[in-house]
Amino acid sequence: MIRNRILTLIIYIIGGAALATAQDKQKVVTGPIWGNWFVQAGLDMTLQNPYGCNFSQVFPKGKTFGLDVALGKWFSPHVAIRGKVNWENGLPLFENKHLEWVGPAEDPTSNIDEGGILILSVDCPVSVKNIFMDYDPDQKWNFYVFPRAGLGCNLAISSSSPMVGVGLGGTYKVKGRLSVYADMAYQVITSEFMGGVSGTGMEVSAGSNGFFDFNVGVQIDLGKSRGKFRKIYVE
């Protein structure tokens, strides 16, 4: 009698686990090919970090401000791609008159008069939230990390330098298609971008030619999907 009850209990446990696994496999998240695109626009601050310079002096010597715009798409709730353009130190409204750590080294304040800095980058955001938590189409917030690659163009010295970096960020949905976002990242770049401000050192332990950037702005979800993926169950 007891043996039969134990056997029945084991069958229920195995059956319940199998049913839960089957239900999990049946859950599919889908989205149209032209859905889940978004645009972003915001304000940017960078902290220039030339090799050999004392970072404690980054305010005000390495501080710049700018504007950024981006276009991206979520291919699933977990992975996206984003192309971004940042125009830094190009508008008189954002001028830092104490700037010393942006090339040309002989006259850093002339950088803004020559067009400033243009940063072109491609990011691959990976949603930490949606990987470790069940995806909810009506979720208000998202948190992601991303690798970055691109070009840093110092227009004042006609330099285009490759860069790579990593960052993190998040979004919060305000209403409908409208969200706010905040990002931060650090990228390393070749010494040519610095325009003589630093040497060629690239050892991270001793410093690097690179810069931090901080962005805040608004995001608009495009298309009928409004940034959502649909949950369906396959029989």
C-alpha atoms as a PDB file:
ATOM      1  CA  MET A   1       0.000   0.000   0.000  1.00  0.00           C
ATOM      2  CA  ILE A   2       2.726   2.452   1.021  1.00  0.00           C
ATOM      3  CA  ARG A   3       4.806   1.368  -1.979  1.00  0.00           C
ATOM      4  CA  ASN A   4       1.907   2.141  -4.324  1.00  0.00           C
ATOM      5  CA  ARG A   5       1.426   5.598  -2.803  1.00  0.00           C
ATOM      6  CA  ILE A   6       5.142   6.374  -3.161  1.00  0.00           C
ATOM      7  CA  LEU A   7       5.046   5.197  -6.770  1.00  0.00           C
ATOM      8  CA  THR A   8       1.979   7.353  -7.446  1.00  0.00           C
ATOM      9  CA  LEU A   9       3.690  10.382  -5.873  1.00  0.00           C
ATOM     10  CA  ILE A  10       6.792   9.869  -8.013  1.00  0.00           C
ATOM     11  CA  ILE A  11       4.609   9.642 -11.128  1.00  0.00           C
ATOM     12  CA  TYR A  12       2.865  12.914 -10.175  1.00  0.00           C
ATOM     13  CA  ILE A  13       6.203  14.673  -9.597  1.00  0.00           C
ATOM     14  CA  ILE A  14       7.658  13.450 -12.894  1.00  0.00           C
ATOM     15  CA  GLY A  15       4.444  14.284 -14.723  1.00  0.00           C
ATOM     16  CA  GLY A  16       4.289  17.759 -13.214  1.00  0.00           C
ATOM     17  CA  ALA A  17       7.907  18.511 -14.139  1.00  0.00           C
ATOM     18  CA  ALA A  18       7.329  17.241 -17.670  1.00  0.00           C
ATOM     19  CA  LEU A  19       4.180  19.374 -17.999  1.00  0.00           C
ATOM     20  CA  ALA A  20       6.008  22.480 -16.749  1.00  0.00           C
ATOM     21  CA  THR A  21       8.840  21.855 -19.222  1.00  0.00           C
ATOM     22  CA  ALA A  22       6.372  21.326 -22.053  1.00  0.00           C
ATOM     23  CA  GLN A  23       4.530  24.546 -21.207  1.00  0.00           C
ATOM     24  CA  ASP A  24       7.830  26.423 -21.094  1.00  0.00           C
ATOM     25  CA  LYS A  25       8.781  25.058 -24.517  1.00  0.00           C
ATOM     26  CA  GLN A  26       5.398  26.043 -25.902  1.00  0.00           C
ATOM     27  CA  LYS A  27       5.919  29.692 -25.001  1.00  0.00           C
ATOM     28  CA  VAL A  28       7.178  31.654 -28.006  1.00  0.00           C
ATOM     29  CA  VAL A  29       7.953  35.360 -28.206  1.00  0.00           C
ATOM     30  CA  THR A  30       7.511  36.790 -31.688  1.00  0.00           C
ATOM     31  CA  GLY A  31       7.683  40.108 -33.469  1.00  0.00           C
ATOM     32  CA  PRO A  32       7.325  41.340 -37.075  1.00  0.00           C
ATOM     33  CA  ILE A  33      10.497  41.923 -39.077  1.00  0.00           C
ATOM     34  CA  TRP A  34       9.754  45.635 -39.317  1.00  0.00           C
ATOM     35  CA  GLY A  35       8.727  45.876 -35.674  1.00  0.00           C
ATOM     36  CA  ASN A  36      10.571  46.851 -32.506  1.00  0.00           C
ATOM     37  CA  TRP A  37      12.618  49.645 -34.056  1.00  0.00           C
ATOM     38  CA  PHE A  38      13.332  52.733 -31.979  1.00  0.00           C
ATOM     39  CA  VAL A  39      14.994  56.137 -32.213  1.00  0.00           C
ATOM     40  CA  GLN A  40      16.776  58.013 -29.452  1.00  0.00           C
ATOM     41  CA  ALA A  41      17.883  61.609 -28.993  1.00  0.00           C
ATOM     42  CA  GLY A  42      19.607  63.128 -26.006  1.00  0.00           C
ATOM     43  CA  LEU A  43      22.378  65.078 -24.329  1.00  0.00           C
ATOM     44  CA  ASP A  44      25.875  63.733 -23.776  1.00  0.00           C
ATOM     45  CA  MET A  45      28.823  64.429 -21.514  1.00  0.00           C
ATOM     46  CA  THR A  46      32.267  62.906 -22.023  1.00  0.00           C
ATOM     47  CA  LEU A  47      35.255  62.792 -19.714  1.00  0.00           C
ATOM     48  CA  GLN A  48      38.366  62.628 -21.877  1.00  0.00           C
ATOM     49  CA  ASN A  49      41.035  60.337 -20.451  1.00  0.00           C
ATOM     50  CA  PRO A  50      44.346  60.793 -22.323  1.00  0.00           C
ATOM     51  CA  TYR A  51      47.172  58.431 -21.440  1.00  0.00           C
ATOM     52  CA  GLY A  52      49.458  59.847 -18.766  1.00  0.00           C
ATOM     53  CA  CYS A  53      47.046  62.560 -17.587  1.00  0.00           C
ATOM     54  CA  ASN A  54      45.879  62.645 -13.977  1.00  0.00           C
ATOM     55  CA  PHE A  55      42.199  61.736 -14.057  1.00  0.00           C
ATOM     56  CA  SER A  56      41.563  63.715 -10.867  1.00  0.00           C
ATOM     57  CA  GLN A  57      41.902  66.821 -13.053  1.00  0.00           C
ATOM     58  CA  VAL A  58      39.286  65.740 -15.593  1.00  0.00           C
ATOM     59  CA  PHE A  59      37.044  68.509 -14.229  1.00  0.00           C
ATOM     60  CA  PRO A  60      37.412  70.834 -16.045  1.00  0.00           C
ATOM     61  CA  LYS A  61      40.339  69.854 -18.304  1.00  0.00           C
ATOM     62  CA  GLY A  62      38.698  66.871 -20.014  1.00  0.00           C
ATOM     63  CA  LYS A  63      34.986  67.624 -19.830  1.00  0.00           C
ATOM     64  CA  THR A  64      32.915  68.108 -23.007  1.00  0.00           C
ATOM     65  CA  PHE A  65      29.202  68.205 -23.814  1.00  0.00           C
ATOM     66  CA  GLY A  66      27.272  67.282 -26.932  1.00  0.00           C
ATOM     67  CA  LEU A  67      24.205  65.820 -28.618  1.00  0.00           C
ATOM     68  CA  ASP A  68      23.518  62.264 -29.705  1.00  0.00           C
ATOM     69  CA  VAL A  69      20.979  60.455 -31.898  1.00  0.00           C
ATOM     70  CA  ALA A  70      20.549  56.727 -32.422  1.00  0.00           C
ATOM     71  CA  LEU A  71      18.522  54.198 -34.396  1.00  0.00           C
ATOM     72  CA  GLY A  72      18.118  50.628 -33.192  1.00  0.00           C
ATOM     73  CA  LYS A  73      16.093  47.437 -33.283  1.00  0.00           C
ATOM     74  CA  TRP A  74      15.341  44.699 -30.758  1.00  0.00           C
ATOM     75  CA  PHE A  75      15.494  41.343 -32.561  1.00  0.00           C
ATOM     76  CA  SER A  76      14.161  39.595 -29.463  1.00  0.00           C
ATOM     77  CA  PRO A  77      13.491  40.677 -25.877  1.00  0.00           C
ATOM     78  CA  HIS A  78      17.126  39.782 -25.206  1.00  0.00           C
ATOM     79  CA  VAL A  79      19.289  41.207 -28.021  1.00  0.00           C
ATOM     80  CA  ALA A  80      19.305  44.443 -30.032  1.00  0.00           C
ATOM     81  CA  ILE A  81      21.585  46.436 -32.284  1.00  0.00           C
ATOM     82  CA  ARG A  82      21.943  50.209 -32.209  1.00  0.00           C
ATOM     83  CA  GLY A  83      23.758  52.673 -34.427  1.00  0.00           C
ATOM     84  CA  LYS A  84      24.652  55.947 -32.783  1.00  0.00           C
ATOM     85  CA  VAL A  85      26.055  59.354 -33.740  1.00  0.00           C
ATOM     86  CA  ASN A  86      27.393  61.745 -31.130  1.00  0.00           C
ATOM     87  CA  TRP A  87      28.483  65.311 -31.914  1.00  0.00           C
ATOM     88  CA  GLU A  88      30.673  66.490 -29.083  1.00  0.00           C
ATOM     89  CA  ASN A  89      32.105  69.946 -28.299  1.00  0.00           C
ATOM     90  CA  GLY A  90      30.629  71.373 -31.479  1.00  0.00           C
ATOM     91  CA  LEU A  91      28.112  73.924 -30.185  1.00  0.00           C
ATOM     92  CA  PRO A  92      29.094  77.204 -28.464  1.00  0.00           C
ATOM     93  CA  LEU A  93      26.301  76.582 -25.940  1.00  0.00           C
ATOM     94  CA  PHE A  94      28.312  73.641 -24.563  1.00  0.00           C
ATOM     95  CA  GLU A  95      31.797  75.173 -24.734  1.00  0.00           C
ATOM     96  CA  ASN A  96      34.254  74.370 -21.946  1.00  0.00           C
ATOM     97  CA  LYS A  97      36.691  77.284 -21.950  1.00  0.00           C
ATOM     98  CA  HIS A  98      39.051  75.413 -19.634  1.00  0.00           C
ATOM     99  CA  LEU A  99      39.369  72.402 -21.918  1.00  0.00           C
ATOM    100  CA  GLU A 100      42.955  71.154 -22.225  1.00  0.00           C
ATOM    101  CA  TRP A 101      42.714  67.415 -22.936  1.00  0.00           C
ATOM    102  CA  VAL A 102      41.288  67.553 -26.475  1.00  0.00           C
ATOM    103  CA  GLY A 103      43.476  68.011 -29.547  1.00  0.00           C
ATOM    104  CA  PRO A 104      45.097  69.966 -31.019  1.00  0.00           C
ATOM    105  CA  ALA A 105      47.420  70.042 -28.023  1.00  0.00           C
ATOM    106  CA  GLU A 106      48.875  73.451 -28.955  1.00  0.00           C
ATOM    107  CA  ASP A 107      45.434  75.113 -28.821  1.00  0.00           C
ATOM    108  CA  PRO A 108      42.701  72.847 -27.329  1.00  0.00           C
ATOM    109  CA  THR A 109      40.132  75.645 -27.185  1.00  0.00           C
ATOM    110  CA  SER A 110      40.200  75.852 -30.995  1.00  0.00           C
ATOM    111  CA  ASN A 111      38.664  72.369 -31.195  1.00  0.00           C
ATOM    112  CA  ILE A 112      35.135  73.739 -30.950  1.00  0.00           C
ATOM    113  CA  ASP A 113      35.763  76.295 -33.710  1.00  0.00           C
ATOM    114  CA  GLU A 114      36.944  73.517 -36.038  1.00  0.00           C
ATOM    115  CA  GLY A 115      33.816  71.402 -35.569  1.00  0.00           C
ATOM    116  CA  GLY A 116      34.529  69.458 -32.378  1.00  0.00           C
ATOM    117  CA  ILE A 117      34.356  65.683 -32.206  1.00  0.00           C
ATOM    118  CA  LEU A 118      32.148  63.200 -34.047  1.00  0.00           C
ATOM    119  CA  ILE A 119      31.673  59.721 -32.558  1.00  0.00           C
ATOM    120  CA  LEU A 120      30.175  56.987 -34.764  1.00  0.00           C
ATOM    121  CA  SER A 121      29.422  53.726 -32.964  1.00  0.00           C
ATOM    122  CA  VAL A 122      27.525  50.455 -33.162  1.00  0.00           C
ATOM    123  CA  ASP A 123      26.294  48.861 -29.932  1.00  0.00           C
ATOM    124  CA  CYS A 124      24.832  45.431 -29.235  1.00  0.00           C
ATOM    125  CA  PRO A 125      22.574  45.820 -26.160  1.00  0.00           C
ATOM    126  CA  VAL A 126      21.848  42.603 -24.260  1.00  0.00           C
ATOM    127  CA  SER A 127      18.912  42.819 -21.840  1.00  0.00           C
ATOM    128  CA  VAL A 128      20.018  41.509 -18.450  1.00  0.00           C
ATOM    129  CA  LYS A 129      16.498  41.983 -17.122  1.00  0.00           C
ATOM    130  CA  ASN A 130      14.789  39.893 -19.803  1.00  0.00           C
ATOM    131  CA  ILE A 131      17.400  37.143 -19.615  1.00  0.00           C
ATOM    132  CA  PHE A 132      17.019  36.609 -15.890  1.00  0.00           C
ATOM    133  CA  MET A 133      13.336  37.553 -15.536  1.00  0.00           C
ATOM    134  CA  ASP A 134      10.273  36.438 -17.440  1.00  0.00           C
ATOM    135  CA  TYR A 135       9.572  38.852 -20.306  1.00  0.00           C
ATOM    136  CA  ASP A 136       6.475  41.005 -19.834  1.00  0.00           C
ATOM    137  CA  PRO A 137       5.205  42.897 -22.931  1.00  0.00           C
ATOM    138  CA  ASP A 138       3.844  45.611 -20.621  1.00  0.00           C
ATOM    139  CA  GLN A 139       7.053  46.051 -18.633  1.00  0.00           C
ATOM    140  CA  LYS A 140       7.965  49.582 -17.679  1.00  0.00           C
ATOM    141  CA  TRP A 141      11.740  49.266 -17.421  1.00  0.00           C
ATOM    142  CA  ASN A 142      14.634  47.469 -19.037  1.00  0.00           C
ATOM    143  CA  PHE A 143      18.301  47.144 -18.093  1.00  0.00           C
ATOM    144  CA  TYR A 144      21.038  46.171 -20.560  1.00  0.00           C
ATOM    145  CA  VAL A 145      24.775  45.940 -21.114  1.00  0.00           C
ATOM    146  CA  PHE A 146      26.530  46.349 -24.455  1.00  0.00           C
ATOM    147  CA  PRO A 147      29.829  46.023 -26.292  1.00  0.00           C
ATOM    148  CA  ARG A 148      30.677  48.915 -28.627  1.00  0.00           C
ATOM    149  CA  ALA A 149      32.832  49.480 -31.693  1.00  0.00           C
ATOM    150  CA  GLY A 150      33.204  52.502 -33.918  1.00  0.00           C
ATOM    151  CA  LEU A 151      35.201  55.551 -34.980  1.00  0.00           C
ATOM    152  CA  GLY A 152      36.172  58.694 -33.134  1.00  0.00           C
ATOM    153  CA  CYS A 153      36.643  61.641 -35.481  1.00  0.00           C
ATOM    154  CA  ASN A 154      38.468  64.692 -34.143  1.00  0.00           C
ATOM    155  CA  LEU A 155      37.418  67.231 -36.763  1.00  0.00           C
ATOM    156  CA  ALA A 156      39.954  69.815 -35.599  1.00  0.00           C
ATOM    157  CA  ILE A 157      42.893  67.612 -36.608  1.00  0.00           C
ATOM    158  CA  SER A 158      41.203  65.535 -39.341  1.00  0.00           C
ATOM    159  CA  SER A 159      41.732  62.316 -37.374  1.00  0.00           C
ATOM    160  CA  SER A 160      39.531  59.202 -37.631  1.00  0.00           C
ATOM    161  CA  SER A 161      40.513  56.614 -35.048  1.00  0.00           C
ATOM    162  CA  PRO A 162      39.031  53.167 -34.291  1.00  0.00           C
ATOM    163  CA  MET A 163      37.641  52.561 -30.825  1.00  0.00           C
ATOM    164  CA  VAL A 164      36.108  49.737 -28.780  1.00  0.00           C
ATOM    165  CA  GLY A 165      34.244  49.901 -25.497  1.00  0.00           C
ATOM    166  CA  VAL A 166      31.652  48.509 -23.115  1.00  0.00           C
ATOM    167  CA  GLY A 167      28.710  50.107 -21.403  1.00  0.00           C
ATOM    168  CA  LEU A 168      25.430  49.726 -19.587  1.00  0.00           C
ATOM    169  CA  GLY A 169      22.115  51.494 -19.610  1.00  0.00           C
ATOM    170  CA  GLY A 170      18.397  51.343 -19.100  1.00  0.00           C
ATOM    171  CA  THR A 171      15.046  52.612 -20.293  1.00  0.00           C
ATOM    172  CA  TYR A 172      11.815  53.508 -18.509  1.00  0.00           C
ATOM    173  CA  LYS A 173       8.541  53.703 -20.411  1.00  0.00           C
ATOM    174  CA  VAL A 174       6.661  56.907 -19.682  1.00  0.00           C
ATOM    175  CA  LYS A 175       3.612  56.421 -21.873  1.00  0.00           C
ATOM    176  CA  GLY A 176       2.720  54.698 -25.137  1.00  0.00           C
ATOM    177  CA  ARG A 177       5.736  54.913 -27.440  1.00  0.00           C
ATOM    178  CA  LEU A 178       7.686  57.322 -25.234  1.00  0.00           C
ATOM    179  CA  SER A 179      10.489  56.208 -22.908  1.00  0.00           C
ATOM    180  CA  VAL A 180      13.431  57.896 -21.243  1.00  0.00           C
ATOM    181  CA  TYR A 181      16.878  56.330 -21.332  1.00  0.00           C
ATOM    182  CA  ALA A 182      20.278  56.679 -19.675  1.00  0.00           C
ATOM    183  CA  ASP A 183      23.577  55.131 -20.811  1.00  0.00           C
ATOM    184  CA  MET A 184      27.187  55.200 -19.744  1.00  0.00           C
ATOM    185  CA  ALA A 185      30.229  53.616 -21.401  1.00  0.00           C
ATOM    186  CA  TYR A 186      34.000  53.666 -21.541  1.00  0.00           C
ATOM    187  CA  GLN A 187      35.880  53.262 -24.797  1.00  0.00           C
ATOM    188  CA  VAL A 188      39.572  53.084 -25.618  1.00  0.00           C
ATOM    189  CA  ILE A 189      40.878  54.783 -28.735  1.00  0.00           C
ATOM    190  CA  THR A 190      44.190  55.341 -30.502  1.00  0.00           C
ATOM    191  CA  SER A 191      46.450  58.213 -29.493  1.00  0.00           C
ATOM    192  CA  GLU A 192      45.952  59.955 -32.862  1.00  0.00           C
ATOM    193  CA  PHE A 193      42.492  60.988 -31.675  1.00  0.00           C
ATOM    194  CA  MET A 194      44.072  62.961 -28.834  1.00  0.00           C
ATOM    195  CA  GLY A 195      45.947  65.248 -31.197  1.00  0.00           C
ATOM    196  CA  GLY A 196      49.235  65.317 -29.315  1.00  0.00           C
ATOM    197  CA  VAL A 197      47.710  65.641 -25.832  1.00  0.00           C
ATOM    198  CA  SER A 198      49.020  62.176 -24.865  1.00  0.00           C
ATOM    199  CA  GLY A 199      51.510  59.552 -25.956  1.00  0.00           C
ATOM    200  CA  THR A 200      50.854  56.117 -27.385  1.00  0.00           C
ATOM    201  CA  GLY A 201      50.430  54.241 -24.093  1.00  0.00           C
ATOM    202  CA  MET A 202      47.581  51.751 -24.007  1.00  0.00           C
ATOM    203  CA  GLU A 203      48.236  49.701 -20.865  1.00  0.00           C
ATOM    204  CA  VAL A 204      45.033  49.847 -18.845  1.00  0.00           C
ATOM    205  CA  SER A 205      46.951  49.435 -15.586  1.00  0.00           C
ATOM    206  CA  ALA A 206      48.825  52.656 -16.338  1.00  0.00           C
ATOM    207  CA  GLY A 207      45.969  54.452 -18.050  1.00  0.00           C
ATOM    208  CA  SER A 208      44.693  54.505 -21.600  1.00  0.00           C
ATOM    209  CA  ASN A 209      43.699  56.812 -24.399  1.00  0.00           C
ATOM    210  CA  GLY A 210      39.944  56.786 -24.076  1.00  0.00           C
ATOM    211  CA  PHE A 211      36.914  58.518 -22.658  1.00  0.00           C
ATOM    212  CA  PHE A 212      33.838  57.953 -20.567  1.00  0.00           C
ATOM    213  CA  ASP A 213      30.506  59.064 -21.944  1.00  0.00           C
ATOM    214  CA  PHE A 214      27.190  59.623 -20.198  1.00  0.00           C
ATOM    215  CA  ASN A 215      23.898  60.029 -22.088  1.00  0.00           C
ATOM    216  CA  VAL A 216      20.337  60.883 -21.109  1.00  0.00           C
ATOM    217  CA  GLY A 217      17.425  61.425 -23.450  1.00  0.00           C
ATOM    218  CA  VAL A 218      14.141  60.210 -24.882  1.00  0.00           C
ATOM    219  CA  GLN A 219      13.303  57.119 -26.915  1.00  0.00           C
ATOM    220  CA  ILE A 220      10.428  56.712 -29.351  1.00  0.00           C
ATOM    221  CA  ASP A 221       9.295  53.201 -30.312  1.00  0.00           C
ATOM    222  CA  LEU A 222       8.409  52.908 -33.999  1.00  0.00           C
ATOM    223  CA  GLY A 223       5.830  50.796 -35.844  1.00  0.00           C
ATOM    224  CA  LYS A 224       2.682  49.022 -34.711  1.00  0.00           C
ATOM    225  CA  SER A 225       4.527  46.888 -32.181  1.00  0.00           C
ATOM    226  CA  ARG A 226       5.295  49.931 -29.977  1.00  0.00           C
ATOM    227  CA  GLY A 227       8.359  48.176 -28.660  1.00  0.00           C
ATOM    228  CA  LYS A 228       6.499  45.039 -27.569  1.00  0.00           C
ATOM    229  CA  PHE A 229       6.915  41.377 -28.457  1.00  0.00           C
ATOM    230  CA  ARG A 230       3.844  39.127 -28.504  1.00  0.00           C
ATOM    231  CA  LYS A 231       3.578  35.992 -26.396  1.00  0.00           C
ATOM    232  CA  ILE A 232       1.815  33.089 -28.094  1.00  0.00           C
ATOM    233  CA  TYR A 233       1.426  29.420 -27.221  1.00  0.00           C
ATOM    234  CA  VAL A 234       1.966  26.721 -29.792  1.00  0.00           C
ATOM    235  CA  GLU A 235      -0.209  23.632 -29.379  1.00  0.00           C
END
